[in-house]
Amino acid sequence: MLETNRLILRDWKEEDFAPFARLNADPEVMRHFPSTLSQEESNEQAMRIQSLITERGWGFWAVELKTTGQFIGFVGLHNQDEQSGIPCAPFVEIGWRLSSEFWGKGYAPEAAYGALEFAFCKLGSPSVYAFTALPNKPSQRVMTKLGMENINQNFDHPKLPKGHDLERHCLYKISREQWFQKSK
């Protein structure tokens, strides 16, 4: 479990599944993903995410508001292996997905900053990467707020069909040294 000023990043609970399914069914939240997810697909994704946390001790944590205990989405880390087809892999990836009602409140960068601290101080990662579809400017703004830099290695996401509107992705990175400089 990680804590920030306003948030708790923790293991998933069964009661997170329903709000997670609503988040994944929201076309606004999923506009930079290939499609929305059904309840079943969403539950399967949550169970996969939690099994990785159980296995490794870290991953895409469920995020809740400290004041209310309300689930608002996930933020955390994922291991991209060489077989992923993503440039620079293997690496530790940081990612997030929050319910739209919680956008614009600074929760994504706040939680992601806590995840970066975990990556650099607990895991000893030399660097952390993030990627998103080129049209996803809000996510790119979060990456920039975190001190990440676009490393100009745009790529076609290997899991998307050729010609898909979201196929082209950009890749951002922050090194351990950059993070420590920013966090002073």
N, C-alpha and C. Protein backbone atom coordinates (compact mmCIF):
# COMPACT_ATOMS: atom_id res chain seq x y z
N MET A 1 0.84 -1.19 0.00
CA MET A 1 0.00 0.00 0.00
C MET A 1 0.88 1.25 0.00
N LEU A 2 0.49 2.23 -0.80
CA LEU A 2 1.17 3.52 -0.85
C LEU A 2 0.18 4.60 -0.47
N GLU A 3 0.68 5.66 0.12
CA GLU A 3 -0.19 6.79 0.46
C GLU A 3 0.41 8.08 -0.07
N THR A 4 -0.46 8.96 -0.54
CA THR A 4 -0.08 10.32 -0.91
C THR A 4 -0.90 11.25 -0.02
N ASN A 5 -0.85 12.53 -0.27
CA ASN A 5 -1.61 13.47 0.55
C ASN A 5 -3.10 13.15 0.58
N ARG A 6 -3.66 12.83 -0.59
CA ARG A 6 -5.12 12.65 -0.67
C ARG A 6 -5.56 11.25 -1.05
N LEU A 7 -4.60 10.37 -1.36
CA LEU A 7 -4.95 9.09 -1.97
C LEU A 7 -4.28 7.91 -1.29
N ILE A 8 -4.90 6.75 -1.46
CA ILE A 8 -4.31 5.48 -1.05
C ILE A 8 -4.24 4.60 -2.30
N LEU A 9 -3.07 4.06 -2.58
CA LEU A 9 -2.87 3.09 -3.66
C LEU A 9 -2.73 1.74 -2.99
N ARG A 10 -3.60 0.80 -3.33
CA ARG A 10 -3.70 -0.44 -2.56
C ARG A 10 -4.06 -1.61 -3.44
N ASP A 11 -4.08 -2.80 -2.82
CA ASP A 11 -4.58 -4.00 -3.49
C ASP A 11 -6.05 -3.79 -3.86
N TRP A 12 -6.48 -4.57 -4.83
CA TRP A 12 -7.86 -4.50 -5.28
C TRP A 12 -8.77 -5.28 -4.32
N LYS A 13 -10.01 -4.79 -4.21
CA LYS A 13 -11.05 -5.47 -3.42
C LYS A 13 -12.19 -5.82 -4.37
N GLU A 14 -12.97 -6.80 -3.97
CA GLU A 14 -14.11 -7.20 -4.81
C GLU A 14 -15.07 -6.03 -5.05
N GLU A 15 -15.21 -5.15 -4.06
CA GLU A 15 -16.13 -4.01 -4.23
C GLU A 15 -15.61 -2.97 -5.22
N ASP A 16 -14.36 -3.09 -5.66
CA ASP A 16 -13.82 -2.20 -6.70
C ASP A 16 -14.31 -2.59 -8.09
N PHE A 17 -14.75 -3.84 -8.24
CA PHE A 17 -15.07 -4.35 -9.58
C PHE A 17 -16.21 -3.58 -10.25
N ALA A 18 -17.27 -3.27 -9.52
CA ALA A 18 -18.42 -2.56 -10.12
C ALA A 18 -18.03 -1.15 -10.58
N PRO A 19 -17.39 -0.32 -9.73
CA PRO A 19 -17.00 0.99 -10.23
C PRO A 19 -15.93 0.92 -11.32
N PHE A 20 -15.08 -0.11 -11.28
CA PHE A 20 -14.09 -0.29 -12.34
C PHE A 20 -14.79 -0.63 -13.66
N ALA A 21 -15.82 -1.45 -13.60
CA ALA A 21 -16.58 -1.79 -14.81
C ALA A 21 -17.27 -0.55 -15.37
N ARG A 22 -17.81 0.31 -14.50
CA ARG A 22 -18.44 1.56 -14.97
C ARG A 22 -17.41 2.45 -15.66
N LEU A 23 -16.24 2.56 -15.06
CA LEU A 23 -15.15 3.34 -15.64
C LEU A 23 -14.79 2.79 -17.02
N ASN A 24 -14.65 1.48 -17.13
CA ASN A 24 -14.26 0.84 -18.39
C ASN A 24 -15.36 0.84 -19.44
N ALA A 25 -16.60 1.07 -19.03
CA ALA A 25 -17.72 1.14 -19.96
C ALA A 25 -17.99 2.58 -20.42
N ASP A 26 -17.30 3.54 -19.82
CA ASP A 26 -17.50 4.96 -20.12
C ASP A 26 -16.74 5.32 -21.41
N PRO A 27 -17.46 5.69 -22.48
CA PRO A 27 -16.78 6.02 -23.74
C PRO A 27 -15.79 7.17 -23.60
N GLU A 28 -16.05 8.11 -22.69
CA GLU A 28 -15.14 9.24 -22.50
C GLU A 28 -13.81 8.75 -21.90
N VAL A 29 -13.87 7.90 -20.89
CA VAL A 29 -12.65 7.35 -20.27
C VAL A 29 -11.88 6.51 -21.28
N MET A 30 -12.60 5.76 -22.09
CA MET A 30 -11.97 4.78 -22.99
C MET A 30 -11.73 5.31 -24.40
N ARG A 31 -11.87 6.61 -24.61
CA ARG A 31 -11.74 7.14 -25.98
C ARG A 31 -10.35 6.95 -26.57
N HIS A 32 -9.33 6.77 -25.74
CA HIS A 32 -7.98 6.54 -26.25
C HIS A 32 -7.56 5.08 -26.13
N PHE A 33 -8.56 4.22 -25.98
CA PHE A 33 -8.37 2.76 -25.98
C PHE A 33 -9.19 2.20 -27.13
N PRO A 34 -8.88 0.99 -27.59
CA PRO A 34 -9.58 0.45 -28.76
C PRO A 34 -11.09 0.33 -28.57
N SER A 35 -11.56 0.03 -27.35
CA SER A 35 -12.99 -0.10 -27.13
C SER A 35 -13.28 -0.05 -25.63
N THR A 36 -14.55 0.13 -25.32
CA THR A 36 -14.97 0.00 -23.93
C THR A 36 -14.94 -1.49 -23.58
N LEU A 37 -15.05 -1.78 -22.29
CA LEU A 37 -15.03 -3.17 -21.83
C LEU A 37 -16.38 -3.55 -21.23
N SER A 38 -16.76 -4.80 -21.43
CA SER A 38 -17.96 -5.33 -20.78
C SER A 38 -17.65 -5.56 -19.31
N GLN A 39 -18.69 -5.82 -18.52
CA GLN A 39 -18.51 -6.14 -17.10
C GLN A 39 -17.55 -7.33 -16.94
N GLU A 40 -17.76 -8.37 -17.74
CA GLU A 40 -16.93 -9.56 -17.66
C GLU A 40 -15.47 -9.26 -18.01
N GLU A 41 -15.25 -8.51 -19.10
CA GLU A 41 -13.89 -8.14 -19.50
C GLU A 41 -13.21 -7.29 -18.43
N SER A 42 -13.97 -6.37 -17.86
CA SER A 42 -13.44 -5.51 -16.81
C SER A 42 -13.06 -6.31 -15.57
N ASN A 43 -13.93 -7.23 -15.15
CA ASN A 43 -13.63 -8.08 -13.99
C ASN A 43 -12.39 -8.92 -14.24
N GLU A 44 -12.27 -9.48 -15.45
CA GLU A 44 -11.09 -10.28 -15.79
C GLU A 44 -9.83 -9.43 -15.73
N GLN A 45 -9.91 -8.19 -16.22
CA GLN A 45 -8.75 -7.30 -16.18
C GLN A 45 -8.37 -7.00 -14.73
N ALA A 46 -9.35 -6.69 -13.89
CA ALA A 46 -9.07 -6.41 -12.47
C ALA A 46 -8.43 -7.61 -11.79
N MET A 47 -8.91 -8.80 -12.08
CA MET A 47 -8.34 -10.00 -11.46
C MET A 47 -6.90 -10.25 -11.94
N ARG A 48 -6.64 -9.99 -13.24
CA ARG A 48 -5.27 -10.13 -13.76
C ARG A 48 -4.33 -9.12 -13.09
N ILE A 49 -4.81 -7.89 -12.96
CA ILE A 49 -4.01 -6.84 -12.33
C ILE A 49 -3.68 -7.24 -10.89
N GLN A 50 -4.69 -7.69 -10.13
CA GLN A 50 -4.46 -8.06 -8.74
C GLN A 50 -3.55 -9.28 -8.64
N SER A 51 -3.68 -10.23 -9.55
CA SER A 51 -2.80 -11.41 -9.48
C SER A 51 -1.34 -11.02 -9.69
N LEU A 52 -1.09 -10.02 -10.55
CA LEU A 52 0.29 -9.54 -10.74
C LEU A 52 0.80 -8.84 -9.49
N ILE A 53 -0.07 -8.08 -8.82
CA ILE A 53 0.33 -7.43 -7.56
C ILE A 53 0.66 -8.49 -6.52
N THR A 54 -0.18 -9.52 -6.43
CA THR A 54 0.04 -10.60 -5.47
C THR A 54 1.37 -11.30 -5.76
N GLU A 55 1.64 -11.53 -7.03
CA GLU A 55 2.86 -12.23 -7.45
C GLU A 55 4.12 -11.42 -7.20
N ARG A 56 4.08 -10.10 -7.53
CA ARG A 56 5.29 -9.28 -7.48
C ARG A 56 5.37 -8.34 -6.28
N GLY A 57 4.20 -8.01 -5.72
CA GLY A 57 4.17 -7.02 -4.65
C GLY A 57 3.95 -5.60 -5.15
N TRP A 58 3.74 -5.44 -6.44
CA TRP A 58 3.49 -4.13 -7.04
C TRP A 58 2.78 -4.30 -8.37
N GLY A 59 2.18 -3.22 -8.86
CA GLY A 59 1.47 -3.27 -10.13
C GLY A 59 0.58 -2.06 -10.30
N PHE A 60 -0.52 -2.23 -11.00
CA PHE A 60 -1.51 -1.16 -11.17
C PHE A 60 -2.44 -1.21 -9.96
N TRP A 61 -2.11 -0.41 -8.95
CA TRP A 61 -2.88 -0.41 -7.72
C TRP A 61 -4.24 0.27 -7.88
N ALA A 62 -5.22 -0.21 -7.13
CA ALA A 62 -6.50 0.49 -7.01
C ALA A 62 -6.23 1.78 -6.25
N VAL A 63 -6.89 2.86 -6.66
CA VAL A 63 -6.71 4.16 -6.00
C VAL A 63 -8.02 4.54 -5.34
N GLU A 64 -7.91 4.94 -4.07
CA GLU A 64 -9.10 5.41 -3.35
C GLU A 64 -8.80 6.75 -2.71
N LEU A 65 -9.86 7.54 -2.54
CA LEU A 65 -9.75 8.82 -1.85
C LEU A 65 -9.62 8.56 -0.36
N LYS A 66 -8.67 9.21 0.28
CA LYS A 66 -8.50 9.04 1.73
C LYS A 66 -9.74 9.49 2.49
N THR A 67 -10.35 10.57 2.04
CA THR A 67 -11.46 11.16 2.80
C THR A 67 -12.70 10.30 2.81
N THR A 68 -12.95 9.57 1.71
CA THR A 68 -14.21 8.82 1.60
C THR A 68 -14.02 7.32 1.41
N GLY A 69 -12.82 6.90 1.04
CA GLY A 69 -12.58 5.49 0.72
C GLY A 69 -13.11 5.10 -0.64
N GLN A 70 -13.56 6.08 -1.43
CA GLN A 70 -14.14 5.80 -2.75
C GLN A 70 -13.07 5.39 -3.76
N PHE A 71 -13.33 4.32 -4.50
CA PHE A 71 -12.47 3.86 -5.59
C PHE A 71 -12.60 4.84 -6.75
N ILE A 72 -11.45 5.31 -7.28
CA ILE A 72 -11.51 6.27 -8.39
C ILE A 72 -10.81 5.78 -9.65
N GLY A 73 -10.14 4.63 -9.58
CA GLY A 73 -9.44 4.10 -10.75
C GLY A 73 -8.18 3.37 -10.34
N PHE A 74 -7.22 3.30 -11.26
CA PHE A 74 -5.94 2.68 -10.92
C PHE A 74 -4.78 3.53 -11.39
N VAL A 75 -3.68 3.40 -10.68
CA VAL A 75 -2.41 4.01 -11.05
C VAL A 75 -1.33 3.06 -10.58
N GLY A 76 -0.29 2.91 -11.36
CA GLY A 76 0.79 2.05 -10.89
C GLY A 76 1.77 1.67 -11.96
N LEU A 77 2.39 0.54 -11.73
CA LEU A 77 3.53 0.10 -12.51
C LEU A 77 3.27 -1.26 -13.14
N HIS A 78 3.89 -1.46 -14.30
CA HIS A 78 3.76 -2.73 -15.00
C HIS A 78 5.11 -3.04 -15.65
N ASN A 79 5.44 -4.31 -15.72
CA ASN A 79 6.69 -4.72 -16.34
C ASN A 79 6.43 -5.05 -17.81
N GLN A 80 6.99 -4.25 -18.72
CA GLN A 80 6.89 -4.54 -20.15
C GLN A 80 8.11 -5.37 -20.53
N ASP A 81 7.87 -6.59 -21.00
CA ASP A 81 9.00 -7.45 -21.35
C ASP A 81 9.39 -7.28 -22.82
N GLU A 82 10.48 -7.92 -23.20
CA GLU A 82 11.01 -7.79 -24.56
C GLU A 82 10.01 -8.24 -25.61
N GLN A 83 9.15 -9.19 -25.26
CA GLN A 83 8.18 -9.71 -26.23
C GLN A 83 7.01 -8.75 -26.47
N SER A 84 6.94 -7.65 -25.73
CA SER A 84 5.82 -6.72 -25.86
C SER A 84 5.78 -6.03 -27.21
N GLY A 85 6.93 -5.91 -27.87
CA GLY A 85 6.99 -5.20 -29.14
C GLY A 85 7.07 -3.70 -28.98
N ILE A 86 7.23 -3.22 -27.76
CA ILE A 86 7.31 -1.79 -27.48
C ILE A 86 8.80 -1.40 -27.49
N PRO A 87 9.15 -0.28 -28.14
CA PRO A 87 10.56 0.13 -28.15
C PRO A 87 11.12 0.28 -26.74
N CYS A 88 12.39 -0.01 -26.59
CA CYS A 88 13.15 0.12 -25.33
C CYS A 88 12.84 -0.97 -24.30
N ALA A 89 11.88 -1.84 -24.57
CA ALA A 89 11.55 -2.92 -23.62
C ALA A 89 12.73 -3.88 -23.55
N PRO A 90 13.00 -4.46 -22.39
CA PRO A 90 12.16 -4.47 -21.19
C PRO A 90 12.32 -3.20 -20.36
N PHE A 91 11.22 -2.81 -19.71
CA PHE A 91 11.24 -1.65 -18.82
C PHE A 91 10.04 -1.69 -17.88
N VAL A 92 10.13 -0.84 -16.85
CA VAL A 92 9.00 -0.63 -15.95
C VAL A 92 8.17 0.51 -16.53
N GLU A 93 6.89 0.24 -16.73
CA GLU A 93 5.95 1.22 -17.27
C GLU A 93 5.12 1.78 -16.13
N ILE A 94 4.78 3.06 -16.22
CA ILE A 94 3.81 3.66 -15.31
C ILE A 94 2.56 3.96 -16.12
N GLY A 95 1.39 3.72 -15.51
CA GLY A 95 0.14 3.97 -16.20
C GLY A 95 -0.97 4.32 -15.24
N TRP A 96 -2.07 4.80 -15.78
CA TRP A 96 -3.20 5.25 -14.97
C TRP A 96 -4.48 5.20 -15.79
N ARG A 97 -5.57 5.08 -15.08
CA ARG A 97 -6.92 5.18 -15.66
C ARG A 97 -7.85 5.55 -14.52
N LEU A 98 -8.42 6.75 -14.60
CA LEU A 98 -9.31 7.24 -13.55
C LEU A 98 -10.69 7.50 -14.12
N SER A 99 -11.68 7.36 -13.26
CA SER A 99 -13.06 7.70 -13.62
C SER A 99 -13.11 9.18 -13.99
N SER A 100 -13.87 9.52 -15.02
CA SER A 100 -13.89 10.90 -15.55
C SER A 100 -14.33 11.92 -14.51
N GLU A 101 -15.14 11.53 -13.54
CA GLU A 101 -15.57 12.50 -12.53
C GLU A 101 -14.41 12.98 -11.66
N PHE A 102 -13.27 12.29 -11.74
CA PHE A 102 -12.12 12.66 -10.92
C PHE A 102 -10.99 13.28 -11.75
N TRP A 103 -11.25 13.56 -13.02
CA TRP A 103 -10.27 14.22 -13.86
C TRP A 103 -10.14 15.69 -13.46
N GLY A 104 -8.99 16.27 -13.73
CA GLY A 104 -8.79 17.69 -13.51
C GLY A 104 -8.60 18.10 -12.05
N LYS A 105 -8.41 17.14 -11.18
CA LYS A 105 -8.23 17.42 -9.75
C LYS A 105 -6.80 17.13 -9.29
N GLY A 106 -5.94 16.74 -10.22
CA GLY A 106 -4.55 16.46 -9.88
C GLY A 106 -4.32 15.09 -9.29
N TYR A 107 -5.34 14.22 -9.32
CA TYR A 107 -5.18 12.89 -8.72
C TYR A 107 -4.22 11.99 -9.51
N ALA A 108 -4.29 12.04 -10.84
CA ALA A 108 -3.41 11.17 -11.64
C ALA A 108 -1.93 11.48 -11.38
N PRO A 109 -1.50 12.76 -11.49
CA PRO A 109 -0.09 13.01 -11.20
C PRO A 109 0.29 12.75 -9.74
N GLU A 110 -0.62 13.02 -8.82
CA GLU A 110 -0.32 12.77 -7.40
C GLU A 110 -0.07 11.28 -7.14
N ALA A 111 -0.96 10.45 -7.64
CA ALA A 111 -0.80 9.01 -7.45
C ALA A 111 0.41 8.49 -8.23
N ALA A 112 0.59 8.99 -9.45
CA ALA A 112 1.71 8.54 -10.28
C ALA A 112 3.04 8.93 -9.65
N TYR A 113 3.09 10.07 -9.01
CA TYR A 113 4.31 10.48 -8.32
C TYR A 113 4.65 9.48 -7.22
N GLY A 114 3.63 9.03 -6.48
CA GLY A 114 3.85 8.00 -5.46
C GLY A 114 4.35 6.70 -6.06
N ALA A 115 3.81 6.34 -7.23
CA ALA A 115 4.25 5.12 -7.91
C ALA A 115 5.69 5.26 -8.40
N LEU A 116 6.06 6.45 -8.89
CA LEU A 116 7.44 6.68 -9.31
C LEU A 116 8.40 6.56 -8.12
N GLU A 117 7.99 7.11 -7.00
CA GLU A 117 8.83 7.00 -5.79
C GLU A 117 9.06 5.52 -5.45
N PHE A 118 8.00 4.72 -5.55
CA PHE A 118 8.12 3.28 -5.30
C PHE A 118 9.09 2.65 -6.31
N ALA A 119 8.93 3.00 -7.59
CA ALA A 119 9.78 2.41 -8.64
C ALA A 119 11.25 2.72 -8.41
N PHE A 120 11.55 3.95 -8.03
CA PHE A 120 12.95 4.34 -7.89
C PHE A 120 13.53 3.99 -6.52
N CYS A 121 12.75 4.14 -5.46
CA CYS A 121 13.29 3.92 -4.10
C CYS A 121 13.15 2.48 -3.62
N LYS A 122 12.10 1.79 -4.00
CA LYS A 122 11.89 0.41 -3.54
C LYS A 122 12.38 -0.62 -4.56
N LEU A 123 12.06 -0.39 -5.84
CA LEU A 123 12.46 -1.35 -6.88
C LEU A 123 13.86 -1.07 -7.41
N GLY A 124 14.34 0.15 -7.23
CA GLY A 124 15.66 0.50 -7.75
C GLY A 124 15.71 0.59 -9.27
N SER A 125 14.58 0.88 -9.89
CA SER A 125 14.53 0.98 -11.36
C SER A 125 15.44 2.11 -11.83
N PRO A 126 16.22 1.88 -12.89
CA PRO A 126 17.06 2.96 -13.42
C PRO A 126 16.24 4.02 -14.17
N SER A 127 15.08 3.61 -14.70
CA SER A 127 14.20 4.53 -15.41
C SER A 127 12.80 3.93 -15.46
N VAL A 128 11.84 4.80 -15.75
CA VAL A 128 10.44 4.38 -15.89
C VAL A 128 9.92 5.01 -17.18
N TYR A 129 9.13 4.25 -17.92
CA TYR A 129 8.57 4.69 -19.19
C TYR A 129 7.05 4.77 -19.10
N ALA A 130 6.47 5.56 -19.99
CA ALA A 130 5.02 5.60 -20.17
C ALA A 130 4.76 5.78 -21.66
N PHE A 131 3.64 5.25 -22.11
CA PHE A 131 3.28 5.43 -23.52
C PHE A 131 1.77 5.59 -23.63
N THR A 132 1.37 6.26 -24.69
CA THR A 132 -0.05 6.46 -24.95
C THR A 132 -0.25 6.75 -26.42
N ALA A 133 -1.50 6.65 -26.86
CA ALA A 133 -1.84 6.99 -28.24
C ALA A 133 -1.55 8.48 -28.47
N LEU A 134 -1.08 8.81 -29.65
CA LEU A 134 -0.73 10.21 -29.96
C LEU A 134 -1.86 11.20 -29.67
N PRO A 135 -3.13 10.86 -29.94
CA PRO A 135 -4.19 11.84 -29.65
C PRO A 135 -4.45 12.07 -28.15
N ASN A 136 -3.87 11.25 -27.27
CA ASN A 136 -4.18 11.33 -25.84
C ASN A 136 -3.34 12.42 -25.17
N LYS A 137 -3.70 13.67 -25.44
CA LYS A 137 -2.97 14.82 -24.89
C LYS A 137 -3.10 14.91 -23.37
N PRO A 138 -4.26 14.60 -22.77
CA PRO A 138 -4.33 14.66 -21.30
C PRO A 138 -3.31 13.75 -20.61
N SER A 139 -3.14 12.54 -21.11
CA SER A 139 -2.16 11.63 -20.51
C SER A 139 -0.74 12.15 -20.73
N GLN A 140 -0.49 12.72 -21.89
CA GLN A 140 0.83 13.28 -22.16
C GLN A 140 1.12 14.45 -21.21
N ARG A 141 0.09 15.24 -20.86
CA ARG A 141 0.28 16.33 -19.90
C ARG A 141 0.65 15.78 -18.52
N VAL A 142 0.03 14.68 -18.12
CA VAL A 142 0.38 14.06 -16.83
C VAL A 142 1.85 13.62 -16.88
N MET A 143 2.25 12.99 -17.97
CA MET A 143 3.64 12.54 -18.10
C MET A 143 4.60 13.72 -17.95
N THR A 144 4.28 14.82 -18.60
CA THR A 144 5.13 16.01 -18.52
C THR A 144 5.16 16.58 -17.10
N LYS A 145 4.00 16.61 -16.43
CA LYS A 145 3.95 17.09 -15.04
C LYS A 145 4.84 16.26 -14.13
N LEU A 146 4.98 14.99 -14.44
CA LEU A 146 5.81 14.09 -13.64
C LEU A 146 7.30 14.28 -13.91
N GLY A 147 7.63 15.09 -14.92
CA GLY A 147 9.04 15.29 -15.29
C GLY A 147 9.50 14.32 -16.36
N MET A 148 8.58 13.56 -16.93
CA MET A 148 8.93 12.63 -18.00
C MET A 148 9.15 13.41 -19.29
N GLU A 149 9.98 12.86 -20.16
CA GLU A 149 10.26 13.51 -21.44
C GLU A 149 9.90 12.58 -22.58
N ASN A 150 9.32 13.18 -23.63
CA ASN A 150 9.04 12.43 -24.85
C ASN A 150 10.39 12.11 -25.49
N ILE A 151 10.67 10.83 -25.67
CA ILE A 151 11.99 10.44 -26.20
C ILE A 151 11.99 10.28 -27.72
N ASN A 152 10.92 10.77 -28.35
CA ASN A 152 10.83 10.80 -29.82
C ASN A 152 11.04 9.43 -30.45
N GLN A 153 10.41 8.44 -29.85
CA GLN A 153 10.42 7.09 -30.43
C GLN A 153 8.98 6.63 -30.61
N ASN A 154 8.23 7.40 -31.42
CA ASN A 154 6.86 7.00 -31.70
C ASN A 154 6.85 5.63 -32.35
N PHE A 155 5.78 4.88 -32.09
CA PHE A 155 5.72 3.51 -32.59
C PHE A 155 4.27 3.11 -32.84
N ASP A 156 4.10 2.08 -33.64
CA ASP A 156 2.78 1.49 -33.86
C ASP A 156 2.57 0.44 -32.78
N HIS A 157 1.50 0.61 -32.00
CA HIS A 157 1.25 -0.34 -30.91
C HIS A 157 1.01 -1.72 -31.50
N PRO A 158 1.77 -2.72 -31.04
CA PRO A 158 1.69 -4.06 -31.64
C PRO A 158 0.36 -4.78 -31.42
N LYS A 159 -0.46 -4.32 -30.47
CA LYS A 159 -1.73 -4.99 -30.23
C LYS A 159 -2.90 -4.35 -30.97
N LEU A 160 -2.61 -3.32 -31.76
CA LEU A 160 -3.67 -2.65 -32.51
C LEU A 160 -3.52 -2.94 -34.00
N PRO A 161 -4.65 -3.08 -34.69
CA PRO A 161 -4.57 -3.38 -36.13
C PRO A 161 -3.97 -2.21 -36.92
N LYS A 162 -3.30 -2.54 -38.00
CA LYS A 162 -2.73 -1.52 -38.88
C LYS A 162 -3.83 -0.58 -39.34
N GLY A 163 -3.53 0.71 -39.28
CA GLY A 163 -4.48 1.71 -39.73
C GLY A 163 -5.48 2.16 -38.67
N HIS A 164 -5.47 1.55 -37.49
CA HIS A 164 -6.38 1.95 -36.40
C HIS A 164 -6.05 3.39 -36.00
N ASP A 165 -7.08 4.17 -35.66
CA ASP A 165 -6.90 5.57 -35.28
C ASP A 165 -5.93 5.75 -34.11
N LEU A 166 -5.83 4.76 -33.25
CA LEU A 166 -5.00 4.87 -32.05
C LEU A 166 -3.68 4.09 -32.16
N GLU A 167 -3.37 3.62 -33.37
CA GLU A 167 -2.20 2.76 -33.56
C GLU A 167 -0.89 3.46 -33.17
N ARG A 168 -0.70 4.72 -33.59
CA ARG A 168 0.55 5.44 -33.31
C ARG A 168 0.59 5.86 -31.84
N HIS A 169 1.69 5.53 -31.19
CA HIS A 169 1.90 5.86 -29.78
C HIS A 169 3.20 6.65 -29.61
N CYS A 170 3.24 7.44 -28.55
CA CYS A 170 4.46 8.14 -28.17
C CYS A 170 5.00 7.50 -26.89
N LEU A 171 6.30 7.64 -26.69
CA LEU A 171 6.98 7.01 -25.56
C LEU A 171 7.69 8.08 -24.74
N TYR A 172 7.39 8.10 -23.45
CA TYR A 172 8.00 9.04 -22.51
C TYR A 172 8.87 8.26 -21.53
N LYS A 173 9.83 8.98 -20.93
CA LYS A 173 10.76 8.34 -20.00
C LYS A 173 11.20 9.34 -18.93
N ILE A 174 11.46 8.82 -17.74
CA ILE A 174 12.14 9.58 -16.70
C ILE A 174 13.18 8.66 -16.08
N SER A 175 14.39 9.19 -15.90
CA SER A 175 15.44 8.39 -15.27
C SER A 175 15.37 8.60 -13.76
N ARG A 176 16.01 7.71 -13.06
CA ARG A 176 16.10 7.82 -11.60
C ARG A 176 16.73 9.17 -11.22
N GLU A 177 17.80 9.56 -11.92
CA GLU A 177 18.48 10.82 -11.63
C GLU A 177 17.55 12.01 -11.87
N GLN A 178 16.81 12.00 -12.99
CA GLN A 178 15.87 13.08 -13.27
C GLN A 178 14.81 13.17 -12.18
N TRP A 179 14.31 12.02 -11.76
CA TRP A 179 13.27 12.01 -10.74
C TRP A 179 13.80 12.57 -9.42
N PHE A 180 15.01 12.15 -9.02
CA PHE A 180 15.57 12.66 -7.76
C PHE A 180 15.82 14.17 -7.84
N GLN A 181 16.24 14.67 -9.01
CA GLN A 181 16.41 16.12 -9.17
C GLN A 181 15.08 16.85 -9.02
N LYS A 182 14.05 16.31 -9.65
CA LYS A 182 12.72 16.93 -9.60
C LYS A 182 12.12 16.86 -8.20
N SER A 183 12.41 15.81 -7.46
CA SER A 183 11.77 15.60 -6.16
C SER A 183 12.46 16.34 -5.01
N LYS A 184 13.56 17.02 -5.31
CA LYS A 184 14.28 17.76 -4.25
C LYS A 184 13.47 18.92 -3.74
